[in-house]
Protein backbone atom coordinates (compact mmCIF):
# COMPACT_ATOMS: atom_id res chain seq x y z
CA MET A 1 2.20 -34.15 14.02
CA ASN A 2 2.49 -37.07 10.98
CA LYS A 3 5.50 -39.24 11.26
CA TYR A 4 7.10 -38.10 8.33
CA ASN A 5 7.76 -34.79 10.38
CA TYR A 6 5.85 -32.50 7.50
CA LYS A 7 3.71 -29.87 8.06
CA PHE A 8 0.33 -29.15 5.72
CA SER A 9 -1.74 -26.10 5.45
CA PHE A 10 -4.35 -24.90 3.00
CA GLY A 11 -6.50 -21.62 2.90
CA PRO A 12 -9.76 -20.63 3.61
CA TRP A 13 -10.80 -20.90 0.07
CA ASN A 14 -10.66 -24.16 -0.33
CA ILE A 15 -13.45 -24.81 1.61
CA HIS A 16 -16.10 -22.90 -0.82
CA GLU A 17 -19.49 -21.92 -1.77
CA GLY A 18 -19.07 -23.73 -5.51
CA ALA A 19 -19.95 -20.78 -7.44
CA ASP A 20 -17.94 -20.82 -11.03
CA PRO A 21 -18.08 -18.97 -13.61
CA PHE A 22 -21.31 -20.37 -15.32
CA GLY A 23 -23.49 -21.11 -12.09
CA PRO A 24 -24.31 -19.47 -8.59
CA PRO A 25 -23.16 -20.91 -5.25
CA VAL A 26 -24.70 -24.56 -4.92
CA ARG A 27 -23.88 -24.79 -0.86
CA PRO A 28 -23.73 -22.26 2.13
CA SER A 29 -20.82 -20.24 3.32
CA VAL A 30 -18.59 -21.34 6.11
CA ALA A 31 -17.91 -19.01 8.62
CA PHE A 32 -13.98 -18.30 8.99
CA ALA A 33 -13.72 -19.41 12.54
CA GLU A 34 -15.35 -22.89 11.52
CA LYS A 35 -12.94 -23.14 8.69
CA LEU A 36 -9.95 -23.04 11.25
CA VAL A 37 -11.79 -25.66 13.23
CA ILE A 38 -12.08 -28.05 10.48
CA LEU A 39 -8.45 -27.25 9.68
CA LYS A 40 -7.25 -28.38 13.05
CA ASP A 41 -9.42 -31.21 12.94
CA LEU A 42 -8.43 -32.62 9.61
CA GLY A 43 -4.66 -32.41 10.67
CA PHE A 44 -3.30 -29.94 9.32
CA ASP A 45 -0.88 -27.15 10.89
CA ALA A 46 -1.44 -24.04 9.27
CA MET A 47 -3.63 -21.37 7.64
CA GLN A 48 -2.88 -19.81 3.96
CA PHE A 49 -4.28 -16.23 4.13
CA HIS A 50 -5.04 -13.81 1.81
CA ASP A 51 -5.08 -10.60 3.55
CA ASP A 52 -8.68 -9.51 3.75
CA ASP A 53 -8.88 -13.15 5.22
CA ALA A 54 -7.01 -11.71 8.43
CA VAL A 55 -8.51 -8.34 8.00
CA PRO A 56 -12.00 -7.95 6.22
CA ASP A 57 -12.30 -4.90 4.46
CA LEU A 58 -8.94 -4.01 4.67
CA ASP A 59 -8.68 -1.24 2.46
CA THR A 60 -11.54 0.32 4.84
CA LYS A 61 -9.50 0.50 8.08
CA SER A 62 -7.30 2.57 9.79
CA ALA A 63 -3.18 1.21 10.36
CA ARG A 64 -4.48 0.78 14.06
CA GLU A 65 -7.61 -1.06 13.44
CA ILE A 66 -5.46 -3.89 11.10
CA ARG A 67 -3.39 -4.39 14.10
CA GLN A 68 -5.89 -5.15 16.27
CA GLN A 69 -8.01 -7.53 14.08
CA ALA A 70 -5.01 -8.94 12.73
CA GLU A 71 -3.40 -9.72 16.36
CA ALA A 72 -6.91 -10.70 17.53
CA MET A 73 -6.49 -13.48 14.15
CA LYS A 74 -3.38 -14.35 15.68
CA ALA A 75 -4.91 -15.45 18.89
CA ARG A 76 -7.68 -17.66 17.72
CA LEU A 77 -4.74 -19.23 15.80
CA ASP A 78 -2.61 -20.07 19.03
CA ASP A 79 -5.96 -21.25 21.00
CA LEU A 80 -6.13 -23.64 18.50
CA GLY A 81 -2.21 -24.56 17.99
CA LEU A 82 -1.95 -23.46 14.40
CA THR A 83 0.02 -21.20 12.51
CA ALA A 84 -0.38 -19.09 9.31
CA GLU A 85 2.04 -20.13 6.43
CA PHE A 86 2.24 -16.93 4.73
CA VAL A 87 0.22 -13.81 3.63
CA ALA A 88 -0.84 -12.83 -0.03
CA PRO A 89 -2.30 -9.24 -1.04
CA ARG A 90 -5.80 -9.80 -2.82
CA LEU A 91 -4.50 -7.49 -5.24
CA TRP A 92 -7.24 -8.91 -8.01
CA GLU A 93 -10.64 -7.90 -6.96
CA HIS A 94 -10.14 -3.82 -6.04
CA PRO A 95 -12.11 -1.91 -9.02
CA MET A 96 -8.59 -0.26 -9.12
CA THR A 97 -6.57 -3.28 -10.21
CA ILE A 98 -9.20 -3.91 -13.22
CA ASP A 99 -5.69 -3.30 -15.72
CA GLY A 100 -3.90 -5.08 -13.22
CA ALA A 101 -2.22 -4.09 -9.71
CA PHE A 102 1.70 -3.53 -10.31
CA THR A 103 1.86 -3.28 -13.92
CA ALA A 104 -1.60 -0.72 -14.89
CA ASN A 105 -0.94 1.85 -17.04
CA ASP A 106 -2.95 3.66 -14.49
CA PRO A 107 -0.08 5.39 -11.79
CA ALA A 108 -2.48 5.80 -8.91
CA ALA A 109 -3.78 2.31 -9.63
CA ARG A 110 -0.41 0.93 -9.35
CA ALA A 111 0.40 3.52 -5.80
CA TYR A 112 -2.31 1.65 -5.02
CA ALA A 113 -1.26 -1.96 -5.20
CA ILE A 114 1.94 -0.77 -3.18
CA GLU A 115 -0.03 0.42 -0.24
CA ARG A 116 -1.93 -2.58 -0.19
CA ALA A 117 0.61 -4.84 -0.83
CA LYS A 118 2.52 -3.01 2.48
CA LYS A 119 -0.59 -3.32 4.76
CA ALA A 120 -0.23 -7.26 3.50
CA ALA A 121 3.55 -7.10 5.06
CA ASP A 122 1.98 -5.48 8.10
CA ILE A 123 -0.58 -8.40 9.07
CA ALA A 124 2.22 -10.94 8.11
CA ARG A 125 4.25 -9.91 10.76
CA TYR A 126 1.11 -9.53 12.81
CA LEU A 127 0.63 -13.25 12.30
CA ASP A 128 3.97 -14.10 13.22
CA THR A 129 5.24 -15.01 9.52
CA ASN A 130 7.60 -13.39 6.99
CA LEU A 131 6.20 -15.16 4.18
CA MET A 132 3.95 -13.36 1.51
CA VAL A 133 3.13 -14.65 -1.47
CA LEU A 134 2.86 -13.08 -4.54
CA TRP A 135 0.32 -14.64 -6.80
CA LEU A 136 0.28 -11.79 -9.88
CA ALA A 137 -3.06 -12.36 -11.17
CA ARG A 138 -3.77 -9.44 -13.52
CA GLU A 139 -0.11 -8.86 -14.13
CA GLY A 140 -0.66 -9.46 -17.94
CA THR A 141 -2.78 -8.05 -20.36
CA TYR A 142 -5.80 -9.66 -23.13
CA LEU A 143 -3.82 -7.98 -25.95
CA ARG A 144 0.00 -7.33 -26.53
CA GLU A 145 -0.41 -4.13 -27.69
CA ALA A 146 -2.30 -2.70 -24.36
CA LYS A 147 0.85 -2.38 -22.57
CA ASP A 148 4.57 -2.48 -22.78
CA ALA A 149 6.04 -5.76 -21.77
CA VAL A 150 9.32 -4.18 -21.38
CA ARG A 151 8.27 -1.78 -18.52
CA ALA A 152 5.75 -3.92 -16.72
CA THR A 153 8.17 -6.63 -16.38
CA GLN A 154 10.56 -3.88 -14.67
CA GLN A 155 7.64 -2.41 -12.54
CA LEU A 156 6.96 -5.74 -10.81
CA LEU A 157 10.72 -5.61 -10.16
CA GLU A 158 9.99 -2.03 -8.75
CA ALA A 159 7.01 -3.41 -6.85
CA VAL A 160 9.28 -6.36 -5.57
CA ASP A 161 12.10 -3.74 -4.37
CA ALA A 162 9.40 -1.46 -2.67
CA LEU A 163 8.60 -4.48 -0.21
CA LEU A 164 11.73 -5.35 0.43
CA ASP A 165 12.50 -2.15 1.50
CA TYR A 166 9.65 -1.59 3.63
CA ASP A 167 10.12 -4.54 5.84
CA PRO A 168 13.65 -6.04 6.01
CA ASP A 169 12.40 -9.40 7.41
CA LEU A 170 10.10 -10.00 4.78
CA ARG A 171 10.69 -12.96 2.62
CA ILE A 172 8.55 -12.69 -1.08
CA ALA A 173 7.51 -16.37 -2.86
CA ILE A 174 6.34 -15.41 -6.27
CA GLU A 175 3.67 -17.82 -7.21
CA PRO A 176 3.78 -18.12 -11.39
CA LYS A 177 0.98 -18.83 -13.74
CA PRO A 178 0.68 -19.03 -17.47
CA ASN A 179 -3.15 -17.08 -17.72
CA GLU A 180 -5.95 -17.29 -16.19
CA PRO A 181 -7.58 -14.60 -15.24
CA MET A 182 -5.65 -13.11 -17.99
CA ASP A 183 -4.54 -14.39 -21.40
CA LEU A 184 -0.99 -13.21 -21.22
CA ALA A 185 0.52 -13.50 -17.87
CA TYR A 186 4.37 -12.07 -17.43
CA ILE A 187 5.23 -14.10 -15.02
CA PRO A 188 4.11 -17.64 -16.40
CA THR A 189 6.84 -20.04 -15.04
CA ILE A 190 9.05 -20.42 -12.20
CA GLY A 191 12.53 -20.02 -14.30
CA HIS A 192 10.39 -16.21 -14.97
CA ALA A 193 9.55 -15.44 -11.28
CA LEU A 194 13.18 -16.80 -10.21
CA ALA A 195 14.68 -14.65 -13.12
CA LEU A 196 12.71 -11.28 -11.76
CA GLY A 197 13.96 -12.15 -7.86
CA MET A 198 17.75 -12.35 -9.07
CA GLN A 199 17.30 -8.97 -10.49
CA ALA A 200 15.98 -7.82 -6.70
CA SER A 201 17.42 -5.74 -4.46
CA ASP A 202 17.89 -8.58 -2.13
CA PRO A 203 17.92 -12.00 -3.73
CA ALA A 204 18.41 -14.26 -0.92
CA ARG A 205 14.58 -12.80 0.12
CA VAL A 206 12.95 -13.81 -3.12
CA GLY A 207 11.66 -17.30 -4.02
CA GLY A 208 8.99 -19.50 -5.19
CA LEU A 209 5.72 -20.98 -4.90
CA ILE A 210 4.69 -23.68 -7.15
CA GLU A 211 1.20 -25.10 -7.56
CA SER A 212 0.78 -28.53 -9.29
CA ALA A 213 -2.06 -26.96 -11.63
CA HIS A 214 -0.44 -23.61 -12.77
CA ALA A 215 2.81 -25.71 -14.37
CA VAL A 216 0.40 -28.03 -16.26
CA LEU A 217 -1.59 -25.22 -18.02
CA ALA A 218 2.04 -24.09 -19.01
CA GLY A 219 2.79 -27.57 -20.28
CA LEU A 220 5.22 -28.41 -17.83
CA ASP A 221 5.66 -31.27 -15.42
CA PRO A 222 5.08 -30.11 -11.89
CA ALA A 223 8.12 -32.11 -10.21
CA ASP A 224 10.39 -30.76 -13.14
CA GLU A 225 9.36 -27.29 -11.75
CA MET A 226 10.00 -27.85 -8.09
CA SER A 227 13.13 -29.80 -9.02
CA PHE A 228 14.21 -25.92 -11.06
CA ALA A 229 13.69 -23.99 -7.92
CA LEU A 230 15.05 -26.63 -5.39
CA ALA A 231 18.48 -26.72 -7.32
CA PHE A 232 18.40 -22.95 -6.79
CA GLY A 233 17.00 -22.90 -2.81
CA LYS A 234 13.93 -21.40 -4.01
CA LEU A 235 10.88 -23.75 -3.41
CA TRP A 236 9.85 -22.15 -0.37
CA SER A 237 6.12 -23.40 -0.76
CA VAL A 238 3.99 -25.83 -2.79
CA HIS A 239 0.15 -25.59 -3.73
CA LEU A 240 -0.70 -29.60 -4.90
CA ASN A 241 -3.49 -30.23 -6.76
CA ASP A 242 -3.96 -32.09 -9.88
CA GLN A 243 -5.60 -30.85 -13.22
CA ASN A 244 -7.48 -32.49 -16.15
CA GLY A 245 -5.64 -31.12 -19.30
CA LEU A 246 -5.24 -27.23 -20.20
CA LYS A 247 -8.80 -26.42 -19.60
CA PHE A 248 -8.33 -23.99 -16.83
CA ASP A 249 -7.64 -23.67 -13.34
CA GLN A 250 -9.31 -27.04 -11.61
CA ASP A 251 -8.03 -27.60 -8.38
CA ARG A 252 -8.33 -30.98 -8.35
CA SER A 253 -8.01 -33.34 -5.49
CA PHE A 254 -4.37 -34.18 -5.25
CA GLY A 255 -3.89 -37.47 -7.39
CA SER A 256 -7.03 -37.92 -8.53
CA VAL A 257 -6.24 -37.33 -12.27
CA ASP A 258 -2.81 -38.29 -12.98
CA LEU A 259 -1.20 -40.48 -10.39
CA ARG A 260 2.60 -41.19 -11.89
CA ARG A 261 2.66 -37.18 -12.39
CA VAL A 262 2.05 -36.38 -8.57
CA PHE A 263 4.23 -39.28 -7.08
CA ASN A 264 7.31 -37.67 -9.03
CA GLN A 265 6.01 -34.36 -7.44
CA VAL A 266 6.23 -36.17 -3.85
CA ARG A 267 9.32 -37.82 -4.57
CA VAL A 268 11.00 -34.54 -5.55
CA LEU A 269 10.11 -33.52 -2.54
CA ASP A 270 10.90 -36.34 -0.38
CA GLU A 271 14.10 -36.88 -1.81
CA ASN A 272 15.11 -32.81 -1.19
CA LYS A 273 13.80 -33.03 2.55
CA PHE A 274 11.43 -30.09 1.77
CA TRP A 275 9.91 -30.40 5.34
CA GLU A 276 13.13 -28.77 6.86
CA ILE A 277 12.41 -26.00 3.70
CA GLY A 278 8.51 -25.45 3.92
CA MET A 279 4.95 -26.27 4.57
CA VAL A 280 3.44 -28.77 1.87
CA GLY A 281 0.47 -26.36 0.71
CA LEU A 282 -2.65 -27.70 -0.67
CA ASP A 283 -4.94 -25.68 -3.10
CA VAL A 284 -7.47 -27.93 -3.49
CA LYS A 285 -11.65 -27.62 -4.30
CA ALA A 286 -14.60 -29.41 -3.89
CA LEU A 287 -16.56 -30.30 -6.78
CA ARG A 288 -19.29 -28.47 -7.66
CA THR A 289 -21.54 -31.62 -6.83
CA GLN A 290 -20.42 -32.11 -3.71
CA PRO A 291 -23.09 -31.88 -0.63
CA PRO A 292 -22.57 -29.44 2.14
CA GLU A 293 -22.23 -31.97 4.57
CA LEU A 294 -19.38 -33.79 2.76
CA ALA A 295 -17.23 -30.94 1.02
CA THR A 296 -13.85 -31.32 3.30
CA LYS A 297 -13.47 -34.74 1.47
CA HIS A 298 -10.88 -33.34 -1.03
CA LEU A 299 -8.79 -31.77 1.85
CA SER A 300 -8.47 -35.04 3.57
CA ASN A 301 -8.21 -36.99 0.59
CA SER A 302 -5.46 -35.19 -0.78
CA LEU A 303 -3.36 -34.66 2.58
CA ARG A 304 -3.63 -39.01 2.49
CA THR A 305 -2.93 -39.19 -0.98
CA PHE A 306 0.44 -37.00 -0.30
CA LEU A 307 1.49 -39.27 2.82
CA ARG A 308 0.69 -42.61 1.04
CA LEU A 309 3.09 -41.82 -1.63
CA VAL A 310 5.99 -40.58 0.74
CA GLU A 311 5.91 -44.39 1.93
CA ILE A 312 5.69 -45.53 -1.83
CA VAL A 313 8.47 -43.14 -2.46
CA ARG A 314 10.55 -44.27 0.03
CA SER A 315 9.90 -48.01 -0.73
CA VAL A 316 11.25 -47.96 -4.20
CA ASP A 317 14.81 -49.57 -4.66
CA ASN A 318 16.58 -46.46 -4.98
CA GLN A 319 19.83 -48.72 -5.96
CA LYS A 320 17.63 -50.82 -8.19
CA ILE A 321 16.75 -47.41 -9.56
CA GLU A 322 20.51 -46.68 -10.27
CA GLU A 323 21.66 -49.80 -11.53
CA LEU A 324 19.11 -49.58 -14.01
CA ARG A 325 19.85 -45.44 -15.22
CA ALA A 326 23.79 -47.27 -15.57
CA ALA A 327 21.90 -49.82 -18.10
CA ARG A 328 20.10 -47.16 -19.86
CA ASP A 329 17.26 -49.69 -19.38
CA TYR A 330 14.41 -47.10 -19.06
CA GLU A 331 11.73 -49.94 -19.83
CA GLU A 332 12.50 -51.78 -16.51
CA LEU A 333 12.68 -48.43 -14.75
CA ASP A 334 9.47 -47.37 -16.03
CA TRP A 335 8.21 -50.87 -14.84
CA LEU A 336 9.43 -50.56 -11.50
CA ILE A 337 7.73 -47.06 -10.65
CA MET A 338 4.55 -48.60 -12.34
CA SER A 339 4.50 -51.85 -10.17
CA SER A 340 5.43 -49.72 -7.38
CA LEU A 341 2.32 -47.43 -7.73
CA MET A 342 0.11 -50.35 -8.57
CA GLY A 343 1.43 -52.28 -5.07
CA ALA A 344 2.62 -55.07 -7.51
């Protein structure tokens, strides 16, 4: 463990082949077992899971097969001294969910989504985590008239309640995103996610996961989104990365674009002792141009950036900050932060 007691995770999708909407894969696939070894070797503590990362071809498996394969994955994690941070139901790739999952107009599709999410809850239990992340990828629409947004919001709440009822130990972290793949998402910000959670049958078991890039895509600052959730004890996980503007979800290495912006994310996490709350998750992708043998540097660089920024955050003179706030000398405060980041 690092000297700051933070624990770190990433998902298997963060070691990927480099395909994008405009081009095919440019790197060979890496077997899941090898990804676990890489995770361990790079100094991470836990793997983030989609349900079918743990149990491939999930929809074709019986309950007994799901349990056997999930428990085999748990044994593999144990052998490496790793844990599972969370399990997320993959509700956006099946043909049944082309029009959405919990908010599909087809009731059969909504029923499929609920059952699939229950299987993810089972897998989480077998992997010894009670945290489920809900990235509501297709819960939205391409044109507003295609769905009833009021009813869709109620359907999302009904789905959350169904999962809370299914597993009394389950905690759900809703991961907001304003767009992509849907043009118009129903849960675009952490405020929307927490408002939904507060209406759930057991609000204490619903929180949020904030991804840096998703906040930027909403035109918001990730540190402020994290602060909002922390104020209510609802920030249960983070996906740290960086983002070039409002184009699409780039998942750039943490700190590679806007060092001041990521400094403030680390600052709010560290000042609120996030190491006592949850894990620091990364959601970063290697640049498509990166050769296969060098396609894990985005992970190690992001981890090093976070830990270096913890050092900088703790080196800043907080008494001086308070004095400058009291004097309303924000230009000098600006220079204090800038000089800290520049090593002046």
